[in-house]
Amino acid sequence: MKLIFALSLMLSVSGMLNAQVQIIAHRGASYLAPENTVAAARLAWELDADAVEVDIYLTSDNKIMCLHDANTKRTTGADYPIKETSSRVLRKLDAGSFKDEKYRGEKIPFLKEVIRTVPPGKELVIELKCGSEVLPFLRKEINRYGKNKRFVFICFDFQTITDTRKMFPENPSYWLCSNRELLNTNLPLVSQAGLQGVSLSYNIISEEVAEKVRSLDLELFTWTVDNPDEAERLISLSVKGITTNRPGWLRDQISLP
């Protein structure tokens, strides 16, 4: 009887954890569609992602565009540094065919185009790849196009995410980290900066790390997880959200509701 009760309790706890964890589409549904494009965002929503994560840069003409790298070479074949190039030039590039010929002609999107795709009840996770100079322009974009939409901000640079939290006090902000030593140094500063928590590379998350985060009353997110066994391990450590390239597939594999 005790064994049955224990198993029942474990299943109940597992179910509660699964119900709470978010599935966040990394650069959209980037396993299937070209990353950081409107097509990838729309596909992620179709696959029932709870949130879509995109990366942003500020162009030379102060437009916010979605791209992971500091230049366009990997995803377009043409080598333009984002911060030194106007949006007019960047919009002429093909950001889709590197993934699949059916996406030929897909453009590097303006952030506002991705914002428009966000359905009610879903979140857009914005990773700042540039510095705090983008914040005034980001504020204008969100005020103009983000009414009644939910936004979360993440960044590796501690000063930039701290500045972002001050600019957007109504929105959650998380510090990104993939280095254990840096995490140990900065973790006590996260709550002092008013941040809601951290988003960590899955391979530095241990039971000890998860406990440290919880002890500071911070939330824990993780990236980039495409392995169901690894996802289950992280769920057991009470991560709040898992960023993945395969949102629909991973949800099915770990039997999330």
C-alpha atoms as a PDB file:
ATOM      1  CA  MET A   1       0.000   0.000   0.000  1.00  0.00           C
ATOM      2  CA  LYS A   2       2.831   2.399   0.867  1.00  0.00           C
ATOM      3  CA  LEU A   3       4.497   1.690  -2.488  1.00  0.00           C
ATOM      4  CA  ILE A   4       1.263   2.388  -4.358  1.00  0.00           C
ATOM      5  CA  PHE A   5       0.816   5.653  -2.457  1.00  0.00           C
ATOM      6  CA  ALA A   6       4.409   6.706  -3.198  1.00  0.00           C
ATOM      7  CA  LEU A   7       4.020   5.967  -6.901  1.00  0.00           C
ATOM      8  CA  SER A   8       0.737   7.852  -6.986  1.00  0.00           C
ATOM      9  CA  LEU A   9       2.358  10.849  -5.302  1.00  0.00           C
ATOM     10  CA  MET A  10       5.262  10.826  -7.763  1.00  0.00           C
ATOM     11  CA  LEU A  11       2.895  10.743 -10.728  1.00  0.00           C
ATOM     12  CA  SER A  12       0.857  13.555  -9.229  1.00  0.00           C
ATOM     13  CA  VAL A  13       3.923  15.744  -8.691  1.00  0.00           C
ATOM     14  CA  SER A  14       5.185  14.944 -12.197  1.00  0.00           C
ATOM     15  CA  GLY A  15       1.821  15.918 -13.633  1.00  0.00           C
ATOM     16  CA  MET A  16       1.837  19.232 -11.784  1.00  0.00           C
ATOM     17  CA  LEU A  17       5.349  20.015 -13.008  1.00  0.00           C
ATOM     18  CA  ASN A  18       4.459  19.144 -16.592  1.00  0.00           C
ATOM     19  CA  ALA A  19       1.360  21.327 -16.424  1.00  0.00           C
ATOM     20  CA  GLN A  20       3.441  24.281 -15.285  1.00  0.00           C
ATOM     21  CA  VAL A  21       6.425  24.113 -17.624  1.00  0.00           C
ATOM     22  CA  GLN A  22       6.397  26.356 -20.698  1.00  0.00           C
ATOM     23  CA  ILE A  23       7.518  25.204 -24.117  1.00  0.00           C
ATOM     24  CA  ILE A  24       9.347  28.081 -25.801  1.00  0.00           C
ATOM     25  CA  ALA A  25      10.144  27.907 -29.520  1.00  0.00           C
ATOM     26  CA  HIS A  26      13.809  28.771 -30.062  1.00  0.00           C
ATOM     27  CA  ARG A  27      13.989  31.400 -32.824  1.00  0.00           C
ATOM     28  CA  GLY A  28      10.541  30.126 -33.725  1.00  0.00           C
ATOM     29  CA  ALA A  29      10.026  26.534 -34.859  1.00  0.00           C
ATOM     30  CA  SER A  30      13.596  26.594 -36.148  1.00  0.00           C
ATOM     31  CA  TYR A  31      14.008  22.850 -36.653  1.00  0.00           C
ATOM     32  CA  LEU A  32      11.492  23.033 -39.486  1.00  0.00           C
ATOM     33  CA  ALA A  33      11.482  26.669 -40.630  1.00  0.00           C
ATOM     34  CA  PRO A  34      14.196  29.314 -41.110  1.00  0.00           C
ATOM     35  CA  GLU A  35      15.128  30.730 -37.718  1.00  0.00           C
ATOM     36  CA  ASN A  36      14.046  34.198 -36.607  1.00  0.00           C
ATOM     37  CA  THR A  37      11.550  34.629 -39.432  1.00  0.00           C
ATOM     38  CA  VAL A  38       7.828  35.301 -39.498  1.00  0.00           C
ATOM     39  CA  ALA A  39       7.372  31.828 -40.998  1.00  0.00           C
ATOM     40  CA  ALA A  40       9.139  30.222 -38.021  1.00  0.00           C
ATOM     41  CA  ALA A  41       7.058  32.212 -35.553  1.00  0.00           C
ATOM     42  CA  ARG A  42       3.767  31.338 -37.236  1.00  0.00           C
ATOM     43  CA  LEU A  43       4.688  27.658 -37.402  1.00  0.00           C
ATOM     44  CA  ALA A  44       5.564  27.674 -33.701  1.00  0.00           C
ATOM     45  CA  TRP A  45       2.113  29.001 -32.831  1.00  0.00           C
ATOM     46  CA  GLU A  46       0.546  26.332 -35.044  1.00  0.00           C
ATOM     47  CA  LEU A  47       2.545  23.738 -33.090  1.00  0.00           C
ATOM     48  CA  ASP A  48       1.079  25.111 -29.838  1.00  0.00           C
ATOM     49  CA  ALA A  49       4.242  26.669 -28.416  1.00  0.00           C
ATOM     50  CA  ASP A  50       3.567  28.674 -25.267  1.00  0.00           C
ATOM     51  CA  ALA A  51       6.065  31.309 -26.356  1.00  0.00           C
ATOM     52  CA  VAL A  52       8.374  32.199 -29.224  1.00  0.00           C
ATOM     53  CA  GLU A  53      11.918  33.458 -28.647  1.00  0.00           C
ATOM     54  CA  VAL A  54      13.565  35.819 -31.140  1.00  0.00           C
ATOM     55  CA  ASP A  55      16.880  37.683 -31.211  1.00  0.00           C
ATOM     56  CA  ILE A  56      17.066  41.387 -31.983  1.00  0.00           C
ATOM     57  CA  TYR A  57      19.601  43.899 -33.282  1.00  0.00           C
ATOM     58  CA  LEU A  58      19.431  47.602 -34.009  1.00  0.00           C
ATOM     59  CA  THR A  59      20.273  48.531 -37.606  1.00  0.00           C
ATOM     60  CA  SER A  60      22.225  51.599 -38.729  1.00  0.00           C
ATOM     61  CA  ASP A  61      18.929  53.410 -39.365  1.00  0.00           C
ATOM     62  CA  ASN A  62      17.611  52.496 -35.902  1.00  0.00           C
ATOM     63  CA  LYS A  63      15.199  49.773 -36.930  1.00  0.00           C
ATOM     64  CA  ILE A  64      14.835  46.630 -34.822  1.00  0.00           C
ATOM     65  CA  MET A  65      15.265  43.430 -36.810  1.00  0.00           C
ATOM     66  CA  CYS A  66      15.313  39.764 -35.845  1.00  0.00           C
ATOM     67  CA  LEU A  67      18.554  37.871 -36.403  1.00  0.00           C
ATOM     68  CA  HIS A  68      20.785  35.767 -34.176  1.00  0.00           C
ATOM     69  CA  ASP A  69      24.212  36.585 -35.604  1.00  0.00           C
ATOM     70  CA  ALA A  70      25.905  39.970 -35.708  1.00  0.00           C
ATOM     71  CA  ASN A  71      26.100  39.635 -39.492  1.00  0.00           C
ATOM     72  CA  THR A  72      23.908  38.090 -42.157  1.00  0.00           C
ATOM     73  CA  LYS A  73      26.395  35.629 -43.702  1.00  0.00           C
ATOM     74  CA  ARG A  74      25.174  32.329 -42.198  1.00  0.00           C
ATOM     75  CA  THR A  75      21.474  32.721 -42.937  1.00  0.00           C
ATOM     76  CA  THR A  76      21.508  34.802 -46.135  1.00  0.00           C
ATOM     77  CA  GLY A  77      24.860  34.121 -47.813  1.00  0.00           C
ATOM     78  CA  ALA A  78      25.581  37.862 -47.994  1.00  0.00           C
ATOM     79  CA  ASP A  79      27.894  39.338 -45.364  1.00  0.00           C
ATOM     80  CA  TYR A  80      26.450  42.500 -43.847  1.00  0.00           C
ATOM     81  CA  PRO A  81      27.112  43.607 -40.239  1.00  0.00           C
ATOM     82  CA  ILE A  82      23.686  44.418 -38.817  1.00  0.00           C
ATOM     83  CA  LYS A  83      24.622  47.521 -36.838  1.00  0.00           C
ATOM     84  CA  GLU A  84      26.429  49.022 -39.859  1.00  0.00           C
ATOM     85  CA  THR A  85      23.708  48.294 -42.413  1.00  0.00           C
ATOM     86  CA  SER A  86      20.371  49.945 -43.115  1.00  0.00           C
ATOM     87  CA  SER A  87      17.141  48.018 -42.908  1.00  0.00           C
ATOM     88  CA  ARG A  88      16.504  48.872 -46.569  1.00  0.00           C
ATOM     89  CA  VAL A  89      19.538  46.780 -47.568  1.00  0.00           C
ATOM     90  CA  LEU A  90      18.819  43.982 -45.102  1.00  0.00           C
ATOM     91  CA  ARG A  91      15.238  43.585 -46.296  1.00  0.00           C
ATOM     92  CA  LYS A  92      16.452  42.696 -49.790  1.00  0.00           C
ATOM     93  CA  LEU A  93      18.201  39.554 -48.532  1.00  0.00           C
ATOM     94  CA  ASP A  94      16.794  36.037 -48.731  1.00  0.00           C
ATOM     95  CA  ALA A  95      16.687  34.620 -45.187  1.00  0.00           C
ATOM     96  CA  GLY A  96      14.734  31.478 -46.003  1.00  0.00           C
ATOM     97  CA  SER A  97      16.302  29.351 -48.690  1.00  0.00           C
ATOM     98  CA  PHE A  98      19.295  28.403 -46.509  1.00  0.00           C
ATOM     99  CA  LYS A  99      16.812  26.228 -44.626  1.00  0.00           C
ATOM    100  CA  ASP A 100      14.632  24.953 -47.462  1.00  0.00           C
ATOM    101  CA  GLU A 101      13.916  26.066 -51.012  1.00  0.00           C
ATOM    102  CA  LYS A 102      10.219  26.415 -50.167  1.00  0.00           C
ATOM    103  CA  TYR A 103      11.140  29.338 -47.912  1.00  0.00           C
ATOM    104  CA  ARG A 104      13.004  31.249 -50.609  1.00  0.00           C
ATOM    105  CA  GLY A 105      12.203  34.946 -50.364  1.00  0.00           C
ATOM    106  CA  GLU A 106      11.534  34.911 -46.613  1.00  0.00           C
ATOM    107  CA  LYS A 107      12.849  38.197 -45.280  1.00  0.00           C
ATOM    108  CA  ILE A 108      14.754  39.162 -42.157  1.00  0.00           C
ATOM    109  CA  PRO A 109      11.773  40.486 -40.225  1.00  0.00           C
ATOM    110  CA  PHE A 110      11.247  43.700 -38.391  1.00  0.00           C
ATOM    111  CA  LEU A 111      10.402  42.979 -34.760  1.00  0.00           C
ATOM    112  CA  LYS A 112       6.980  44.536 -35.267  1.00  0.00           C
ATOM    113  CA  GLU A 113       6.142  41.833 -37.846  1.00  0.00           C
ATOM    114  CA  VAL A 114       6.825  39.088 -35.326  1.00  0.00           C
ATOM    115  CA  ILE A 115       4.891  40.946 -32.629  1.00  0.00           C
ATOM    116  CA  ARG A 116       1.836  40.947 -34.898  1.00  0.00           C
ATOM    117  CA  THR A 117       1.877  37.130 -35.025  1.00  0.00           C
ATOM    118  CA  VAL A 118       1.542  36.639 -31.256  1.00  0.00           C
ATOM    119  CA  PRO A 119      -1.863  35.120 -30.391  1.00  0.00           C
ATOM    120  CA  PRO A 120      -3.814  36.044 -27.244  1.00  0.00           C
ATOM    121  CA  GLY A 121      -2.444  34.309 -24.167  1.00  0.00           C
ATOM    122  CA  LYS A 122       0.957  33.585 -25.715  1.00  0.00           C
ATOM    123  CA  GLU A 123       4.308  35.282 -25.022  1.00  0.00           C
ATOM    124  CA  LEU A 124       7.096  36.736 -27.111  1.00  0.00           C
ATOM    125  CA  VAL A 125      10.536  36.277 -25.558  1.00  0.00           C
ATOM    126  CA  ILE A 126      12.911  38.934 -26.866  1.00  0.00           C
ATOM    127  CA  GLU A 127      16.640  38.313 -26.579  1.00  0.00           C
ATOM    128  CA  LEU A 128      18.674  41.494 -26.835  1.00  0.00           C
ATOM    129  CA  LYS A 129      21.788  40.781 -28.883  1.00  0.00           C
ATOM    130  CA  CYS A 130      22.862  44.408 -28.894  1.00  0.00           C
ATOM    131  CA  GLY A 131      23.338  46.792 -25.982  1.00  0.00           C
ATOM    132  CA  SER A 132      21.122  49.211 -24.127  1.00  0.00           C
ATOM    133  CA  GLU A 133      21.115  51.612 -27.087  1.00  0.00           C
ATOM    134  CA  VAL A 134      18.185  49.609 -28.486  1.00  0.00           C
ATOM    135  CA  LEU A 135      15.926  50.226 -25.497  1.00  0.00           C
ATOM    136  CA  PRO A 136      14.326  53.579 -26.444  1.00  0.00           C
ATOM    137  CA  PHE A 137      13.441  52.169 -29.872  1.00  0.00           C
ATOM    138  CA  LEU A 138      12.205  48.933 -28.320  1.00  0.00           C
ATOM    139  CA  ARG A 139       9.938  50.900 -26.009  1.00  0.00           C
ATOM    140  CA  LYS A 140       8.391  52.697 -28.988  1.00  0.00           C
ATOM    141  CA  GLU A 141       7.850  49.435 -30.887  1.00  0.00           C
ATOM    142  CA  ILE A 142       6.131  47.740 -27.980  1.00  0.00           C
ATOM    143  CA  ASN A 143       3.989  50.770 -27.176  1.00  0.00           C
ATOM    144  CA  ARG A 144       2.878  50.977 -30.802  1.00  0.00           C
ATOM    145  CA  TYR A 145       2.469  47.318 -31.779  1.00  0.00           C
ATOM    146  CA  GLY A 146       2.353  45.354 -28.539  1.00  0.00           C
ATOM    147  CA  LYS A 147      -0.893  46.467 -26.923  1.00  0.00           C
ATOM    148  CA  ASN A 148      -2.452  43.601 -24.925  1.00  0.00           C
ATOM    149  CA  LYS A 149       0.472  41.315 -25.794  1.00  0.00           C
ATOM    150  CA  ARG A 150       2.854  39.639 -23.365  1.00  0.00           C
ATOM    151  CA  PHE A 151       6.619  40.184 -23.521  1.00  0.00           C
ATOM    152  CA  VAL A 152       9.612  38.701 -21.719  1.00  0.00           C
ATOM    153  CA  PHE A 153      13.187  39.964 -22.054  1.00  0.00           C
ATOM    154  CA  ILE A 154      16.446  38.014 -21.860  1.00  0.00           C
ATOM    155  CA  CYS A 155      20.094  38.930 -22.379  1.00  0.00           C
ATOM    156  CA  PHE A 156      23.603  37.614 -21.683  1.00  0.00           C
ATOM    157  CA  ASP A 157      24.981  41.064 -20.849  1.00  0.00           C
ATOM    158  CA  PHE A 158      24.166  41.789 -17.211  1.00  0.00           C
ATOM    159  CA  GLN A 159      24.146  45.569 -17.538  1.00  0.00           C
ATOM    160  CA  THR A 160      21.870  45.452 -20.580  1.00  0.00           C
ATOM    161  CA  ILE A 161      19.300  43.184 -18.928  1.00  0.00           C
ATOM    162  CA  THR A 162      19.408  45.360 -15.805  1.00  0.00           C
ATOM    163  CA  ASP A 163      18.739  48.440 -17.940  1.00  0.00           C
ATOM    164  CA  THR A 164      15.954  46.556 -19.716  1.00  0.00           C
ATOM    165  CA  ARG A 165      14.283  45.746 -16.414  1.00  0.00           C
ATOM    166  CA  LYS A 166      14.316  49.459 -15.529  1.00  0.00           C
ATOM    167  CA  MET A 167      12.880  50.401 -18.920  1.00  0.00           C
ATOM    168  CA  PHE A 168      10.171  47.718 -18.735  1.00  0.00           C
ATOM    169  CA  PRO A 169       9.322  47.287 -15.034  1.00  0.00           C
ATOM    170  CA  GLU A 170       6.004  45.659 -15.945  1.00  0.00           C
ATOM    171  CA  ASN A 171       7.641  42.820 -17.897  1.00  0.00           C
ATOM    172  CA  PRO A 172       9.712  39.855 -16.643  1.00  0.00           C
ATOM    173  CA  SER A 173      13.451  40.021 -17.376  1.00  0.00           C
ATOM    174  CA  TYR A 174      15.953  37.163 -17.097  1.00  0.00           C
ATOM    175  CA  TRP A 175      19.719  36.983 -17.258  1.00  0.00           C
ATOM    176  CA  LEU A 176      21.152  34.401 -19.661  1.00  0.00           C
ATOM    177  CA  CYS A 177      24.226  32.373 -18.707  1.00  0.00           C
ATOM    178  CA  SER A 178      26.128  29.317 -19.936  1.00  0.00           C
ATOM    179  CA  ASN A 179      29.203  29.563 -17.709  1.00  0.00           C
ATOM    180  CA  ARG A 180      29.239  27.997 -14.227  1.00  0.00           C
ATOM    181  CA  GLU A 181      31.872  30.336 -12.786  1.00  0.00           C
ATOM    182  CA  LEU A 182      30.107  33.441 -14.050  1.00  0.00           C
ATOM    183  CA  LEU A 183      26.813  32.085 -12.721  1.00  0.00           C
ATOM    184  CA  ASN A 184      28.285  31.665  -9.241  1.00  0.00           C
ATOM    185  CA  THR A 185      29.588  35.236  -9.357  1.00  0.00           C
ATOM    186  CA  ASN A 186      26.461  36.936 -10.667  1.00  0.00           C
ATOM    187  CA  LEU A 187      23.613  34.834  -9.260  1.00  0.00           C
ATOM    188  CA  PRO A 188      23.443  36.780  -5.959  1.00  0.00           C
ATOM    189  CA  LEU A 189      23.209  39.998  -8.007  1.00  0.00           C
ATOM    190  CA  VAL A 190      20.218  38.861 -10.059  1.00  0.00           C
ATOM    191  CA  SER A 191      17.569  39.487  -7.426  1.00  0.00           C
ATOM    192  CA  GLN A 192      19.314  42.700  -6.349  1.00  0.00           C
ATOM    193  CA  ALA A 193      18.893  43.952  -9.906  1.00  0.00           C
ATOM    194  CA  GLY A 194      15.155  43.254  -9.727  1.00  0.00           C
ATOM    195  CA  LEU A 195      15.283  40.468 -12.300  1.00  0.00           C
ATOM    196  CA  GLN A 196      12.760  37.642 -12.088  1.00  0.00           C
ATOM    197  CA  GLY A 197      15.306  34.894 -12.596  1.00  0.00           C
ATOM    198  CA  VAL A 198      17.812  33.240 -14.897  1.00  0.00           C
ATOM    199  CA  SER A 199      17.754  31.300 -18.143  1.00  0.00           C
ATOM    200  CA  LEU A 200      20.632  28.814 -18.218  1.00  0.00           C
ATOM    201  CA  SER A 201      22.168  26.469 -20.726  1.00  0.00           C
ATOM    202  CA  TYR A 202      20.811  23.037 -19.831  1.00  0.00           C
ATOM    203  CA  ASN A 203      24.292  21.553 -19.393  1.00  0.00           C
ATOM    204  CA  ILE A 204      25.139  23.724 -16.394  1.00  0.00           C
ATOM    205  CA  ILE A 205      21.898  22.978 -14.539  1.00  0.00           C
ATOM    206  CA  SER A 206      22.405  20.484 -11.728  1.00  0.00           C
ATOM    207  CA  GLU A 207      20.340  19.788  -8.633  1.00  0.00           C
ATOM    208  CA  GLU A 208      22.731  22.067  -6.727  1.00  0.00           C
ATOM    209  CA  VAL A 209      22.316  24.922  -9.221  1.00  0.00           C
ATOM    210  CA  ALA A 210      18.535  24.569  -9.235  1.00  0.00           C
ATOM    211  CA  GLU A 211      18.493  24.666  -5.434  1.00  0.00           C
ATOM    212  CA  LYS A 212      20.645  27.827  -5.375  1.00  0.00           C
ATOM    213  CA  VAL A 213      18.242  29.527  -7.773  1.00  0.00           C
ATOM    214  CA  ARG A 214      15.223  28.480  -5.682  1.00  0.00           C
ATOM    215  CA  SER A 215      16.893  29.619  -2.440  1.00  0.00           C
ATOM    216  CA  LEU A 216      17.095  33.137  -3.884  1.00  0.00           C
ATOM    217  CA  ASP A 217      13.400  32.979  -4.825  1.00  0.00           C
ATOM    218  CA  LEU A 218      14.270  33.235  -8.520  1.00  0.00           C
ATOM    219  CA  GLU A 219      12.690  31.508 -11.511  1.00  0.00           C
ATOM    220  CA  LEU A 220      14.693  29.053 -13.630  1.00  0.00           C
ATOM    221  CA  PHE A 221      14.421  28.644 -17.398  1.00  0.00           C
ATOM    222  CA  THR A 222      16.643  26.627 -19.730  1.00  0.00           C
ATOM    223  CA  TRP A 223      17.820  26.348 -23.366  1.00  0.00           C
ATOM    224  CA  THR A 224      18.219  24.734 -25.923  1.00  0.00           C
ATOM    225  CA  VAL A 225      16.706  21.290 -25.295  1.00  0.00           C
ATOM    226  CA  ASP A 226      15.688  18.898 -28.073  1.00  0.00           C
ATOM    227  CA  ASN A 227      16.190  15.681 -26.089  1.00  0.00           C
ATOM    228  CA  PRO A 228      13.117  14.319 -24.241  1.00  0.00           C
ATOM    229  CA  ASP A 229      15.182  12.609 -21.528  1.00  0.00           C
ATOM    230  CA  GLU A 230      17.024  15.850 -20.833  1.00  0.00           C
ATOM    231  CA  ALA A 231      13.724  17.725 -20.773  1.00  0.00           C
ATOM    232  CA  GLU A 232      12.340  15.290 -18.192  1.00  0.00           C
ATOM    233  CA  ARG A 233      15.454  15.740 -16.045  1.00  0.00           C
ATOM    234  CA  LEU A 234      15.064  19.492 -16.115  1.00  0.00           C
ATOM    235  CA  ILE A 235      11.355  19.286 -15.339  1.00  0.00           C
ATOM    236  CA  SER A 236      12.250  17.225 -12.262  1.00  0.00           C
ATOM    237  CA  LEU A 237      14.441  20.160 -11.176  1.00  0.00           C
ATOM    238  CA  SER A 238      11.438  22.508 -11.446  1.00  0.00           C
ATOM    239  CA  VAL A 239      12.442  24.583 -14.435  1.00  0.00           C
ATOM    240  CA  LYS A 240       9.640  26.938 -15.389  1.00  0.00           C
ATOM    241  CA  GLY A 241      10.289  26.879 -19.123  1.00  0.00           C
ATOM    242  CA  ILE A 242      12.199  24.889 -21.746  1.00  0.00           C
ATOM    243  CA  THR A 243      13.415  26.519 -24.947  1.00  0.00           C
ATOM    244  CA  THR A 244      13.566  24.096 -27.860  1.00  0.00           C
ATOM    245  CA  ASN A 245      13.981  24.046 -31.640  1.00  0.00           C
ATOM    246  CA  ARG A 246      11.176  21.441 -31.836  1.00  0.00           C
ATOM    247  CA  PRO A 247       8.242  22.741 -29.746  1.00  0.00           C
ATOM    248  CA  GLY A 248       5.459  20.509 -31.039  1.00  0.00           C
ATOM    249  CA  TRP A 249       7.552  17.343 -31.153  1.00  0.00           C
ATOM    250  CA  LEU A 250       9.069  17.847 -27.706  1.00  0.00           C
ATOM    251  CA  ARG A 251       5.675  18.531 -26.160  1.00  0.00           C
ATOM    252  CA  ASP A 252       4.402  15.226 -27.551  1.00  0.00           C
ATOM    253  CA  GLN A 253       7.487  13.291 -26.470  1.00  0.00           C
ATOM    254  CA  ILE A 254       7.226  14.341 -22.830  1.00  0.00           C
ATOM    255  CA  SER A 255       3.416  14.157 -22.740  1.00  0.00           C
ATOM    256  CA  LEU A 256       2.762  17.760 -21.811  1.00  0.00           C
ATOM    257  CA  PRO A 257      -0.914  18.835 -21.778  1.00  0.00           C
END
